[in-house]
C-alpha atoms as a PDB file:
ATOM      1  CA  MET A   1      -4.840  -9.356  35.247  1.00  0.00           C
ATOM      2  CA  LYS A   2      -5.258  -9.901  31.511  1.00  0.00           C
ATOM      3  CA  ASP A   3      -8.563 -11.783  31.999  1.00  0.00           C
ATOM      4  CA  ARG A   4      -9.850  -8.987  34.217  1.00  0.00           C
ATOM      5  CA  TYR A   5      -8.934  -6.393  31.563  1.00  0.00           C
ATOM      6  CA  CYS A   6     -10.656  -8.367  28.787  1.00  0.00           C
ATOM      7  CA  SER A   7     -13.744  -8.834  30.977  1.00  0.00           C
ATOM      8  CA  HIS A   8     -13.875  -5.064  31.521  1.00  0.00           C
ATOM      9  CA  ARG A   9     -13.697  -4.425  27.761  1.00  0.00           C
ATOM     10  CA  LEU A  10     -16.568  -6.861  27.119  1.00  0.00           C
ATOM     11  CA  SER A  11     -18.672  -5.218  29.771  1.00  0.00           C
ATOM     12  CA  VAL A  12     -18.150  -1.859  28.055  1.00  0.00           C
ATOM     13  CA  LEU A  13     -19.277  -3.297  24.709  1.00  0.00           C
ATOM     14  CA  SER A  14     -22.425  -4.731  26.246  1.00  0.00           C
ATOM     15  CA  SER A  15     -23.442  -1.470  27.904  1.00  0.00           C
ATOM     16  CA  ASP A  16     -25.724   1.346  26.846  1.00  0.00           C
ATOM     17  CA  TYR A  17     -22.792   2.762  24.907  1.00  0.00           C
ATOM     18  CA  LEU A  18     -22.961  -0.083  22.394  1.00  0.00           C
ATOM     19  CA  ARG A  19     -26.743   0.177  21.998  1.00  0.00           C
ATOM     20  CA  ASP A  20     -26.507   3.922  21.458  1.00  0.00           C
ATOM     21  CA  LEU A  21     -23.732   3.557  18.914  1.00  0.00           C
ATOM     22  CA  VAL A  22     -25.595   0.845  16.986  1.00  0.00           C
ATOM     23  CA  GLY A  23     -28.655   3.082  16.927  1.00  0.00           C
ATOM     24  CA  LYS A  24     -26.694   6.012  15.559  1.00  0.00           C
ATOM     25  CA  ILE A  25     -25.108   3.884  12.856  1.00  0.00           C
ATOM     26  CA  CYS A  26     -28.413   2.300  11.854  1.00  0.00           C
ATOM     27  CA  ASP A  27     -29.975   5.752  11.574  1.00  0.00           C
ATOM     28  CA  THR A  28     -27.560   6.454   8.729  1.00  0.00           C
ATOM     29  CA  TYR A  29     -28.923   3.439   6.816  1.00  0.00           C
ATOM     30  CA  GLU A  30     -32.410   4.881   6.506  1.00  0.00           C
ATOM     31  CA  ASP A  31     -31.720   7.385   3.736  1.00  0.00           C
ATOM     32  CA  ALA A  32     -31.340   6.492   0.060  1.00  0.00           C
ATOM     33  CA  LYS A  33     -27.963   8.030  -0.631  1.00  0.00           C
ATOM     34  CA  GLY A  34     -26.454   4.914  -2.130  1.00  0.00           C
ATOM     35  CA  ILE A  35     -23.755   3.626   0.220  1.00  0.00           C
ATOM     36  CA  ASN A  36     -25.740   0.760   1.700  1.00  0.00           C
ATOM     37  CA  HIS A  37     -27.749  -2.020   0.084  1.00  0.00           C
ATOM     38  CA  VAL A  38     -30.348  -3.144   2.574  1.00  0.00           C
ATOM     39  CA  GLU A  39     -33.592  -4.962   1.723  1.00  0.00           C
ATOM     40  CA  GLY A  40     -32.653  -4.936  -1.939  1.00  0.00           C
ATOM     41  CA  PHE A  41     -31.725  -7.437  -4.623  1.00  0.00           C
ATOM     42  CA  ASN A  42     -28.610  -9.463  -4.065  1.00  0.00           C
ATOM     43  CA  LEU A  43     -25.687  -7.783  -5.767  1.00  0.00           C
ATOM     44  CA  PRO A  44     -22.986  -9.681  -7.660  1.00  0.00           C
ATOM     45  CA  ARG A  45     -20.435 -11.006  -5.191  1.00  0.00           C
ATOM     46  CA  GLN A  46     -16.909  -9.678  -5.459  1.00  0.00           C
ATOM     47  CA  GLN A  47     -15.174 -12.907  -4.470  1.00  0.00           C
ATOM     48  CA  GLU A  48     -17.167 -14.920  -7.017  1.00  0.00           C
ATOM     49  CA  ILE A  49     -16.258 -12.404  -9.733  1.00  0.00           C
ATOM     50  CA  HIS A  50     -12.585 -12.773  -8.803  1.00  0.00           C
ATOM     51  CA  ASP A  51     -12.921 -16.572  -8.958  1.00  0.00           C
ATOM     52  CA  ILE A  52     -14.526 -16.351 -12.395  1.00  0.00           C
ATOM     53  CA  ILE A  53     -11.682 -14.132 -13.618  1.00  0.00           C
ATOM     54  CA  ASN A  54      -9.115 -16.645 -12.386  1.00  0.00           C
ATOM     55  CA  ARG A  55     -10.889 -19.486 -14.185  1.00  0.00           C
ATOM     56  CA  LEU A  56     -11.120 -17.473 -17.396  1.00  0.00           C
ATOM     57  CA  MET A  57      -7.402 -16.696 -17.136  1.00  0.00           C
ATOM     58  CA  GLU A  58      -6.763 -20.427 -16.712  1.00  0.00           C
ATOM     59  CA  ILE A  59      -8.589 -21.102 -19.970  1.00  0.00           C
ATOM     60  CA  VAL A  60      -6.661 -18.416 -21.865  1.00  0.00           C
ATOM     61  CA  PHE A  61      -3.286 -19.355 -20.318  1.00  0.00           C
ATOM     62  CA  PRO A  62      -3.576 -23.024 -19.291  1.00  0.00           C
ATOM     63  CA  GLY A  63      -0.816 -24.278 -17.023  1.00  0.00           C
ATOM     64  CA  PHE A  64       0.651 -20.877 -16.159  1.00  0.00           C
ATOM     65  CA  SER A  65      -1.090 -20.515 -12.815  1.00  0.00           C
ATOM     66  CA  GLY A  66       0.295 -23.803 -11.485  1.00  0.00           C
ATOM     67  CA  VAL A  67      -3.192 -24.841 -10.385  1.00  0.00           C
ATOM     68  CA  GLN A  68      -2.987 -28.023 -12.430  1.00  0.00           C
ATOM     69  CA  ASN A  69      -0.926 -29.707 -15.124  1.00  0.00           C
ATOM     70  CA  TYR A  70      -2.210 -30.283 -18.639  1.00  0.00           C
ATOM     71  CA  SER A  71      -1.418 -32.534 -21.564  1.00  0.00           C
ATOM     72  CA  LEU A  72      -2.679 -32.266 -25.128  1.00  0.00           C
ATOM     73  CA  LYS A  73      -4.387 -35.645 -24.710  1.00  0.00           C
ATOM     74  CA  THR A  74      -6.513 -34.580 -21.760  1.00  0.00           C
ATOM     75  CA  ILE A  75      -6.744 -30.809 -22.036  1.00  0.00           C
ATOM     76  CA  SER A  76     -10.170 -30.933 -23.690  1.00  0.00           C
ATOM     77  CA  PHE A  77     -11.594 -32.581 -20.572  1.00  0.00           C
ATOM     78  CA  ASN A  78      -9.854 -30.080 -18.287  1.00  0.00           C
ATOM     79  CA  ILE A  79     -11.094 -27.063 -20.245  1.00  0.00           C
ATOM     80  CA  GLY A  80     -14.570 -28.569 -20.469  1.00  0.00           C
ATOM     81  CA  ASN A  81     -14.711 -28.839 -16.689  1.00  0.00           C
ATOM     82  CA  ILE A  82     -13.531 -25.258 -16.209  1.00  0.00           C
ATOM     83  CA  LEU A  83     -16.055 -23.966 -18.779  1.00  0.00           C
ATOM     84  CA  THR A  84     -18.846 -25.789 -16.962  1.00  0.00           C
ATOM     85  CA  GLU A  85     -17.846 -24.107 -13.700  1.00  0.00           C
ATOM     86  CA  VAL A  86     -17.518 -20.707 -15.366  1.00  0.00           C
ATOM     87  CA  TYR A  87     -20.910 -21.027 -17.021  1.00  0.00           C
ATOM     88  CA  SER A  88     -22.659 -21.861 -13.757  1.00  0.00           C
ATOM     89  CA  GLU A  89     -20.925 -19.183 -11.676  1.00  0.00           C
ATOM     90  CA  LEU A  90     -21.107 -16.484 -14.342  1.00  0.00           C
ATOM     91  CA  HIS A  91     -24.766 -17.217 -14.978  1.00  0.00           C
ATOM     92  CA  ASP A  92     -25.543 -16.716 -11.292  1.00  0.00           C
ATOM     93  CA  GLN A  93     -23.620 -13.446 -11.008  1.00  0.00           C
ATOM     94  CA  ILE A  94     -24.965 -11.936 -14.228  1.00  0.00           C
ATOM     95  CA  GLU A  95     -28.492 -12.905 -13.245  1.00  0.00           C
ATOM     96  CA  ARG A  96     -27.952 -11.077  -9.960  1.00  0.00           C
ATOM     97  CA  SER A  97     -26.769  -7.955 -11.787  1.00  0.00           C
ATOM     98  CA  PHE A  98     -29.711  -7.876 -14.209  1.00  0.00           C
ATOM     99  CA  SER A  99     -32.137  -8.527 -11.341  1.00  0.00           C
ATOM    100  CA  TYR A 100     -30.581  -5.615  -9.478  1.00  0.00           C
ATOM    101  CA  GLU A 101     -31.043  -3.333 -12.475  1.00  0.00           C
ATOM    102  CA  CYS A 102     -34.608  -4.528 -12.994  1.00  0.00           C
ATOM    103  CA  GLY A 103     -35.496  -3.898  -9.359  1.00  0.00           C
ATOM    104  CA  LYS A 104     -33.888  -0.483  -9.384  1.00  0.00           C
ATOM    105  CA  SER A 105     -35.805   0.610 -12.483  1.00  0.00           C
ATOM    106  CA  HIS A 106     -39.046  -1.111 -11.364  1.00  0.00           C
ATOM    107  CA  CYS A 107     -39.225  -2.864 -14.711  1.00  0.00           C
ATOM    108  CA  ASP A 108     -42.121  -5.321 -15.162  1.00  0.00           C
ATOM    109  CA  ASP A 109     -40.746  -7.011 -18.277  1.00  0.00           C
ATOM    110  CA  CYS A 110     -36.968  -7.222 -17.914  1.00  0.00           C
ATOM    111  CA  ASP A 111     -36.643 -10.807 -19.213  1.00  0.00           C
ATOM    112  CA  VAL A 112     -33.690 -11.399 -16.915  1.00  0.00           C
ATOM    113  CA  PRO A 113     -33.204 -15.095 -17.893  1.00  0.00           C
ATOM    114  CA  ALA A 114     -32.917 -14.288 -21.618  1.00  0.00           C
ATOM    115  CA  LYS A 115     -30.514 -11.368 -21.042  1.00  0.00           C
ATOM    116  CA  THR A 116     -28.421 -13.488 -18.711  1.00  0.00           C
ATOM    117  CA  GLU A 117     -28.134 -16.403 -21.109  1.00  0.00           C
ATOM    118  CA  GLU A 118     -27.226 -14.093 -24.000  1.00  0.00           C
ATOM    119  CA  ALA A 119     -24.476 -12.353 -22.037  1.00  0.00           C
ATOM    120  CA  VAL A 120     -22.996 -15.581 -20.675  1.00  0.00           C
ATOM    121  CA  LYS A 121     -22.914 -17.204 -24.111  1.00  0.00           C
ATOM    122  CA  ALA A 122     -21.366 -14.058 -25.624  1.00  0.00           C
ATOM    123  CA  LEU A 123     -18.487 -14.160 -23.162  1.00  0.00           C
ATOM    124  CA  LEU A 124     -17.869 -17.875 -23.610  1.00  0.00           C
ATOM    125  CA  ASP A 125     -18.065 -17.561 -27.403  1.00  0.00           C
ATOM    126  CA  ALA A 126     -15.475 -14.749 -27.285  1.00  0.00           C
ATOM    127  CA  ILE A 127     -12.819 -16.897 -25.574  1.00  0.00           C
ATOM    128  CA  PRO A 128     -11.214 -18.330 -28.759  1.00  0.00           C
ATOM    129  CA  GLU A 129     -10.849 -14.861 -30.309  1.00  0.00           C
ATOM    130  CA  ILE A 130      -9.557 -13.363 -27.060  1.00  0.00           C
ATOM    131  CA  ARG A 131      -6.958 -16.106 -26.842  1.00  0.00           C
ATOM    132  CA  GLU A 132      -5.770 -15.458 -30.401  1.00  0.00           C
ATOM    133  CA  THR A 133      -5.654 -11.723 -29.699  1.00  0.00           C
ATOM    134  CA  MET A 134      -3.612 -12.253 -26.536  1.00  0.00           C
ATOM    135  CA  LYS A 135      -1.041 -14.176 -28.572  1.00  0.00           C
ATOM    136  CA  LEU A 136      -0.463 -10.978 -30.546  1.00  0.00           C
ATOM    137  CA  ASP A 137      -0.370  -8.825 -27.400  1.00  0.00           C
ATOM    138  CA  ILE A 138       2.252 -11.114 -25.889  1.00  0.00           C
ATOM    139  CA  ALA A 139       4.269 -11.116 -29.116  1.00  0.00           C
ATOM    140  CA  ALA A 140       4.180  -7.295 -29.044  1.00  0.00           C
ATOM    141  CA  ALA A 141       5.478  -7.320 -25.477  1.00  0.00           C
ATOM    142  CA  PHE A 142       8.285  -9.709 -26.360  1.00  0.00           C
ATOM    143  CA  SER A 143       9.400  -7.724 -29.411  1.00  0.00           C
ATOM    144  CA  GLY A 144       8.975  -4.378 -27.676  1.00  0.00           C
ATOM    145  CA  ASP A 145      10.800  -5.058 -24.427  1.00  0.00           C
ATOM    146  CA  PRO A 146      14.514  -5.947 -24.606  1.00  0.00           C
ATOM    147  CA  ALA A 147      14.324  -7.051 -20.957  1.00  0.00           C
ATOM    148  CA  ALA A 148      11.825  -9.804 -21.777  1.00  0.00           C
ATOM    149  CA  ALA A 149      13.725 -13.094 -21.668  1.00  0.00           C
ATOM    150  CA  THR A 150      10.940 -15.473 -22.720  1.00  0.00           C
ATOM    151  CA  ILE A 151       7.277 -15.569 -23.666  1.00  0.00           C
ATOM    152  CA  ASP A 152       6.586 -17.498 -20.459  1.00  0.00           C
ATOM    153  CA  GLU A 153       8.068 -14.696 -18.377  1.00  0.00           C
ATOM    154  CA  ILE A 154       5.680 -12.234 -19.989  1.00  0.00           C
ATOM    155  CA  VAL A 155       2.615 -14.383 -19.331  1.00  0.00           C
ATOM    156  CA  VAL A 156       3.370 -15.086 -15.682  1.00  0.00           C
ATOM    157  CA  SER A 157       4.689 -11.692 -14.625  1.00  0.00           C
ATOM    158  CA  TYR A 158       3.754  -8.740 -16.851  1.00  0.00           C
ATOM    159  CA  PRO A 159       0.923  -6.676 -15.334  1.00  0.00           C
ATOM    160  CA  GLY A 160      -0.095  -5.226 -18.687  1.00  0.00           C
ATOM    161  CA  ILE A 161      -0.919  -8.670 -20.061  1.00  0.00           C
ATOM    162  CA  LYS A 162      -3.071  -9.521 -17.053  1.00  0.00           C
ATOM    163  CA  THR A 163      -4.957  -6.228 -17.208  1.00  0.00           C
ATOM    164  CA  ILE A 164      -5.535  -6.341 -20.966  1.00  0.00           C
ATOM    165  CA  THR A 165      -6.840  -9.919 -20.782  1.00  0.00           C
ATOM    166  CA  ILE A 166      -9.311  -9.102 -18.017  1.00  0.00           C
ATOM    167  CA  GLN A 167     -10.409  -5.937 -19.822  1.00  0.00           C
ATOM    168  CA  ARG A 168     -11.147  -7.912 -22.977  1.00  0.00           C
ATOM    169  CA  PHE A 169     -13.521 -10.160 -21.022  1.00  0.00           C
ATOM    170  CA  ALA A 170     -15.138  -7.168 -19.319  1.00  0.00           C
ATOM    171  CA  HIS A 171     -15.518  -5.421 -22.672  1.00  0.00           C
ATOM    172  CA  VAL A 172     -17.751  -8.238 -23.966  1.00  0.00           C
ATOM    173  CA  LEU A 173     -20.084  -7.948 -20.975  1.00  0.00           C
ATOM    174  CA  TYR A 174     -20.024  -4.136 -21.241  1.00  0.00           C
ATOM    175  CA  HIS A 175     -21.371  -4.326 -24.795  1.00  0.00           C
ATOM    176  CA  HIS A 176     -24.129  -6.648 -23.617  1.00  0.00           C
ATOM    177  CA  LYS A 177     -25.071  -3.993 -21.050  1.00  0.00           C
ATOM    178  CA  VAL A 178     -24.401  -6.194 -18.045  1.00  0.00           C
ATOM    179  CA  PRO A 179     -24.650  -3.947 -14.975  1.00  0.00           C
ATOM    180  CA  LEU A 180     -21.859  -3.717 -12.384  1.00  0.00           C
ATOM    181  CA  ILE A 181     -19.793  -6.780 -13.332  1.00  0.00           C
ATOM    182  CA  PRO A 182     -17.649  -5.305 -16.155  1.00  0.00           C
ATOM    183  CA  ARG A 183     -16.450  -2.505 -13.875  1.00  0.00           C
ATOM    184  CA  MET A 184     -15.931  -4.950 -11.001  1.00  0.00           C
ATOM    185  CA  MET A 185     -13.667  -6.982 -13.285  1.00  0.00           C
ATOM    186  CA  THR A 186     -11.526  -4.085 -14.487  1.00  0.00           C
ATOM    187  CA  GLU A 187     -11.279  -2.577 -11.011  1.00  0.00           C
ATOM    188  CA  TYR A 188     -10.032  -5.927  -9.755  1.00  0.00           C
ATOM    189  CA  ALA A 189      -7.335  -5.764 -12.441  1.00  0.00           C
ATOM    190  CA  HIS A 190      -6.636  -2.155 -11.412  1.00  0.00           C
ATOM    191  CA  SER A 191      -6.200  -3.170  -7.787  1.00  0.00           C
ATOM    192  CA  ILE A 192      -3.606  -5.846  -8.553  1.00  0.00           C
ATOM    193  CA  THR A 193      -1.663  -4.123 -11.360  1.00  0.00           C
ATOM    194  CA  GLY A 194      -2.086  -0.353 -10.973  1.00  0.00           C
ATOM    195  CA  ILE A 195      -3.433  -0.155 -14.544  1.00  0.00           C
ATOM    196  CA  ASP A 196      -6.925   1.321 -14.901  1.00  0.00           C
ATOM    197  CA  ILE A 197      -8.672   0.517 -18.201  1.00  0.00           C
ATOM    198  CA  HIS A 198     -12.404   1.100 -18.355  1.00  0.00           C
ATOM    199  CA  PRO A 199     -14.376  -1.877 -19.713  1.00  0.00           C
ATOM    200  CA  GLY A 200     -15.839   0.367 -22.409  1.00  0.00           C
ATOM    201  CA  ALA A 201     -12.459   1.178 -23.974  1.00  0.00           C
ATOM    202  CA  HIS A 202     -11.912  -0.501 -27.330  1.00  0.00           C
ATOM    203  CA  LEU A 203      -8.541  -2.237 -27.674  1.00  0.00           C
ATOM    204  CA  GLU A 204      -7.276  -3.607 -30.959  1.00  0.00           C
ATOM    205  CA  ARG A 205      -4.540  -6.223 -31.279  1.00  0.00           C
ATOM    206  CA  GLY A 206      -0.855  -6.070 -30.460  1.00  0.00           C
ATOM    207  CA  LEU A 207      -1.218  -3.666 -27.532  1.00  0.00           C
ATOM    208  CA  PHE A 208       1.800  -3.457 -25.221  1.00  0.00           C
ATOM    209  CA  ILE A 209       1.639  -1.583 -21.925  1.00  0.00           C
ATOM    210  CA  ASP A 210       5.216  -1.477 -20.634  1.00  0.00           C
ATOM    211  CA  HIS A 211       5.643  -1.324 -16.839  1.00  0.00           C
ATOM    212  CA  GLY A 212       2.103  -0.008 -16.633  1.00  0.00           C
ATOM    213  CA  THR A 213       1.828   1.576 -13.204  1.00  0.00           C
ATOM    214  CA  GLY A 214      -0.462   4.594 -13.306  1.00  0.00           C
ATOM    215  CA  VAL A 215      -1.845   4.040 -16.813  1.00  0.00           C
ATOM    216  CA  VAL A 216      -5.448   5.265 -17.142  1.00  0.00           C
ATOM    217  CA  VAL A 217      -7.627   4.611 -20.210  1.00  0.00           C
ATOM    218  CA  GLY A 218     -11.127   6.090 -20.281  1.00  0.00           C
ATOM    219  CA  GLU A 219     -14.445   4.584 -21.296  1.00  0.00           C
ATOM    220  CA  THR A 220     -14.682   5.883 -24.877  1.00  0.00           C
ATOM    221  CA  ALA A 221     -10.996   5.615 -25.757  1.00  0.00           C
ATOM    222  CA  VAL A 222     -10.084   3.632 -28.877  1.00  0.00           C
ATOM    223  CA  ILE A 223      -6.613   2.099 -29.205  1.00  0.00           C
ATOM    224  CA  GLY A 224      -5.530   0.752 -32.581  1.00  0.00           C
ATOM    225  CA  ASN A 225      -3.229  -2.090 -33.593  1.00  0.00           C
ATOM    226  CA  ASN A 226       0.375  -2.356 -32.396  1.00  0.00           C
ATOM    227  CA  VAL A 227       0.230   0.552 -29.952  1.00  0.00           C
ATOM    228  CA  LYS A 228       2.855   0.846 -27.224  1.00  0.00           C
ATOM    229  CA  ILE A 229       2.119   2.696 -23.987  1.00  0.00           C
ATOM    230  CA  TYR A 230       4.490   3.331 -21.101  1.00  0.00           C
ATOM    231  CA  GLN A 231       3.794   3.912 -17.409  1.00  0.00           C
ATOM    232  CA  GLY A 232       1.890   6.929 -16.180  1.00  0.00           C
ATOM    233  CA  VAL A 233       0.052   7.590 -19.458  1.00  0.00           C
ATOM    234  CA  THR A 234      -3.489   8.988 -19.270  1.00  0.00           C
ATOM    235  CA  LEU A 235      -5.993   8.743 -22.110  1.00  0.00           C
ATOM    236  CA  GLY A 236      -8.643  10.858 -20.460  1.00  0.00           C
ATOM    237  CA  ALA A 237     -11.455  13.332 -20.963  1.00  0.00           C
ATOM    238  CA  LEU A 238     -10.822  17.047 -21.321  1.00  0.00           C
ATOM    239  CA  SER A 239     -14.348  18.093 -20.384  1.00  0.00           C
ATOM    240  CA  PHE A 240     -17.726  16.517 -19.780  1.00  0.00           C
ATOM    241  CA  PRO A 241     -20.605  17.576 -22.081  1.00  0.00           C
ATOM    242  CA  LYS A 242     -23.774  18.468 -20.155  1.00  0.00           C
ATOM    243  CA  ASP A 243     -27.446  18.611 -21.060  1.00  0.00           C
ATOM    244  CA  ALA A 244     -29.789  21.600 -20.657  1.00  0.00           C
ATOM    245  CA  CYS A 245     -30.256  20.725 -16.986  1.00  0.00           C
ATOM    246  CA  GLY A 246     -26.532  20.755 -16.300  1.00  0.00           C
ATOM    247  CA  MET A 247     -26.285  16.967 -15.958  1.00  0.00           C
ATOM    248  CA  ILE A 248     -23.341  15.122 -17.523  1.00  0.00           C
ATOM    249  CA  ILE A 249     -24.342  13.402 -20.781  1.00  0.00           C
ATOM    250  CA  LYS A 250     -23.500   9.720 -20.454  1.00  0.00           C
ATOM    251  CA  GLY A 251     -21.964   7.780 -23.338  1.00  0.00           C
ATOM    252  CA  ALA A 252     -20.667  10.706 -25.410  1.00  0.00           C
ATOM    253  CA  LYS A 253     -17.278  10.204 -27.085  1.00  0.00           C
ATOM    254  CA  ARG A 254     -14.911  12.121 -24.822  1.00  0.00           C
ATOM    255  CA  HIS A 255     -11.643  10.185 -24.879  1.00  0.00           C
ATOM    256  CA  PRO A 256      -8.868   9.940 -27.488  1.00  0.00           C
ATOM    257  CA  THR A 257      -8.595   7.660 -30.487  1.00  0.00           C
ATOM    258  CA  ILE A 258      -5.066   6.276 -30.836  1.00  0.00           C
ATOM    259  CA  GLU A 259      -4.443   4.982 -34.337  1.00  0.00           C
ATOM    260  CA  ASP A 260      -2.195   2.063 -35.317  1.00  0.00           C
ATOM    261  CA  ASP A 261       1.544   1.921 -34.537  1.00  0.00           C
ATOM    262  CA  VAL A 262       1.566   4.832 -32.081  1.00  0.00           C
ATOM    263  CA  THR A 263       4.036   4.992 -29.172  1.00  0.00           C
ATOM    264  CA  ILE A 264       3.183   7.048 -26.084  1.00  0.00           C
ATOM    265  CA  TYR A 265       6.000   7.535 -23.600  1.00  0.00           C
ATOM    266  CA  ALA A 266       5.871   7.751 -19.820  1.00  0.00           C
ATOM    267  CA  GLY A 267       3.796  10.428 -18.149  1.00  0.00           C
ATOM    268  CA  ALA A 268       2.064  11.703 -21.277  1.00  0.00           C
ATOM    269  CA  THR A 269      -1.489  13.007 -20.877  1.00  0.00           C
ATOM    270  CA  VAL A 270      -3.784  12.867 -23.918  1.00  0.00           C
ATOM    271  CA  LEU A 271      -7.205  14.386 -23.294  1.00  0.00           C
ATOM    272  CA  GLY A 272     -10.474  14.765 -25.136  1.00  0.00           C
ATOM    273  CA  ASN A 273     -12.092  13.387 -28.274  1.00  0.00           C
ATOM    274  CA  ILE A 274      -8.983  13.826 -30.401  1.00  0.00           C
ATOM    275  CA  VAL A 275      -7.088  11.589 -32.811  1.00  0.00           C
ATOM    276  CA  ILE A 276      -3.414  10.657 -32.602  1.00  0.00           C
ATOM    277  CA  GLY A 277      -2.517   9.747 -36.172  1.00  0.00           C
ATOM    278  CA  LYS A 278      -1.001   6.475 -37.255  1.00  0.00           C
ATOM    279  CA  GLY A 279       2.672   5.964 -36.462  1.00  0.00           C
ATOM    280  CA  SER A 280       2.966   9.029 -34.246  1.00  0.00           C
ATOM    281  CA  ILE A 281       5.326   9.263 -31.290  1.00  0.00           C
ATOM    282  CA  ILE A 282       4.202  11.134 -28.183  1.00  0.00           C
ATOM    283  CA  GLY A 283       7.077  12.028 -25.874  1.00  0.00           C
ATOM    284  CA  GLY A 284       7.215  11.763 -22.110  1.00  0.00           C
ATOM    285  CA  ASN A 285       5.234  14.215 -19.947  1.00  0.00           C
ATOM    286  CA  VAL A 286       3.536  15.777 -22.985  1.00  0.00           C
ATOM    287  CA  TRP A 287       0.113  17.375 -22.426  1.00  0.00           C
ATOM    288  CA  MET A 288      -2.088  17.022 -25.524  1.00  0.00           C
ATOM    289  CA  THR A 289      -5.590  18.324 -26.220  1.00  0.00           C
ATOM    290  CA  GLU A 290      -5.473  18.594 -30.041  1.00  0.00           C
ATOM    291  CA  SER A 291      -5.399  15.995 -32.803  1.00  0.00           C
ATOM    292  CA  VAL A 292      -2.189  15.343 -34.736  1.00  0.00           C
ATOM    293  CA  PRO A 293      -1.806  13.756 -38.200  1.00  0.00           C
ATOM    294  CA  ALA A 294      -0.102  10.477 -38.999  1.00  0.00           C
ATOM    295  CA  GLY A 295       3.641  10.348 -38.445  1.00  0.00           C
ATOM    296  CA  SER A 296       3.758  13.216 -35.935  1.00  0.00           C
ATOM    297  CA  LYS A 297       6.471  13.449 -33.288  1.00  0.00           C
ATOM    298  CA  ILE A 298       5.443  15.449 -30.250  1.00  0.00           C
ATOM    299  CA  SER A 299       7.831  16.293 -27.437  1.00  0.00           C
ATOM    300  CA  MET A 300       8.329  18.767 -24.632  1.00  0.00           C
ATOM    301  CA  ALA A 301      10.939  21.495 -24.970  1.00  0.00           C
ATOM    302  CA  PRO A 302      14.051  20.467 -23.035  1.00  0.00           C
ATOM    303  CA  PRO A 303      13.935  21.983 -19.551  1.00  0.00           C
ATOM    304  CA  GLU A 304      16.481  24.610 -18.680  1.00  0.00           C
ATOM    305  CA  LEU A 305      19.199  23.004 -16.616  1.00  0.00           C
ATOM    306  CA  ARG A 306      20.693  25.206 -13.926  1.00  0.00           C
ATOM    307  CA  LYS A 307      23.800  24.199 -12.079  1.00  0.00           C
ATOM    308  CA  LYS A 308      25.025  25.552  -8.804  1.00  0.00           C
ATOM    309  CA  ILE A 309      28.691  24.750  -8.481  1.00  0.00           C
ATOM    310  CA  PRO A 310      30.205  25.221  -5.030  1.00  0.00           C
ATOM    311  CA  VAL A 311      33.003  27.751  -4.824  1.00  0.00           C
ATOM    312  CA  GLN A 312      36.246  26.056  -4.039  1.00  0.00           C
ATOM    313  CA  ALA A 313      38.192  27.327  -1.059  1.00  0.00           C
ATOM    314  CA  ALA A 314      41.039  29.591  -2.067  1.00  0.00           C
ATOM    315  CA  ASP A 315      44.437  28.013  -1.943  1.00  0.00           C
ATOM    316  CA  LYS A 316      46.331  29.049   1.067  1.00  0.00           C
END
């Protein structure tokens, strides 16, 4: 009975119905509205980008993934092998992205090999500094979270650390104008942590994102040293400047600058090209669209609490 049922289903799929459906679907591929990539340059591959991220994380935090064990005597060989793999894979993916951009713009002199080599070397050269910076980010998490038992716990489990590390790699490629890949990297981090930091955002040292779920940091945001951000915080744009034709102007500064030693509590929304002065404290659920000077403390007025107390039954 089961075989007969399966045979019937296959016969349906091989009928005119299937040919008609395929035709209708393929008809939707013929426009140029941007949700298919047919007969074009090979795009960077998502899985390869994820693999590159994992290898970069292994270099920054060797031994924490459990992929392999290290010793100080042999770690140079291990890291050398990983760097060789990263170079080869990253070179291929970045070359794909520049080739895509060149084909899209019909450029005759894109010099894809030179751009690719420059971007790859820039990312690899940034690894030592990123690693030193992450030491400070982890120290900030340890000193800022009383629930943190050890440094190791922070490295292996805190989503903010993972997201910030990936964003720092993406930020290097963003500044070398690598198409597609920086956003692919940060959106991968977003998908696994719930923290959305655009690769264009500039992050200084000692950043701690506590809990992290729902944090959004826009492209032109600047975050200073020793800033602490809680879950649900948005550093977003208030409005989008447009040109004479009504098109959004790309690249304009439209997100906040958060100066050093600022704390922003859960649910706060800070919008526009404004400045939150050094050492300020922004309370939970605050909505801000204006700059504040150093040392400010901003909070919502306490909500009115209304109680409805049930009437007790009269004593009999």
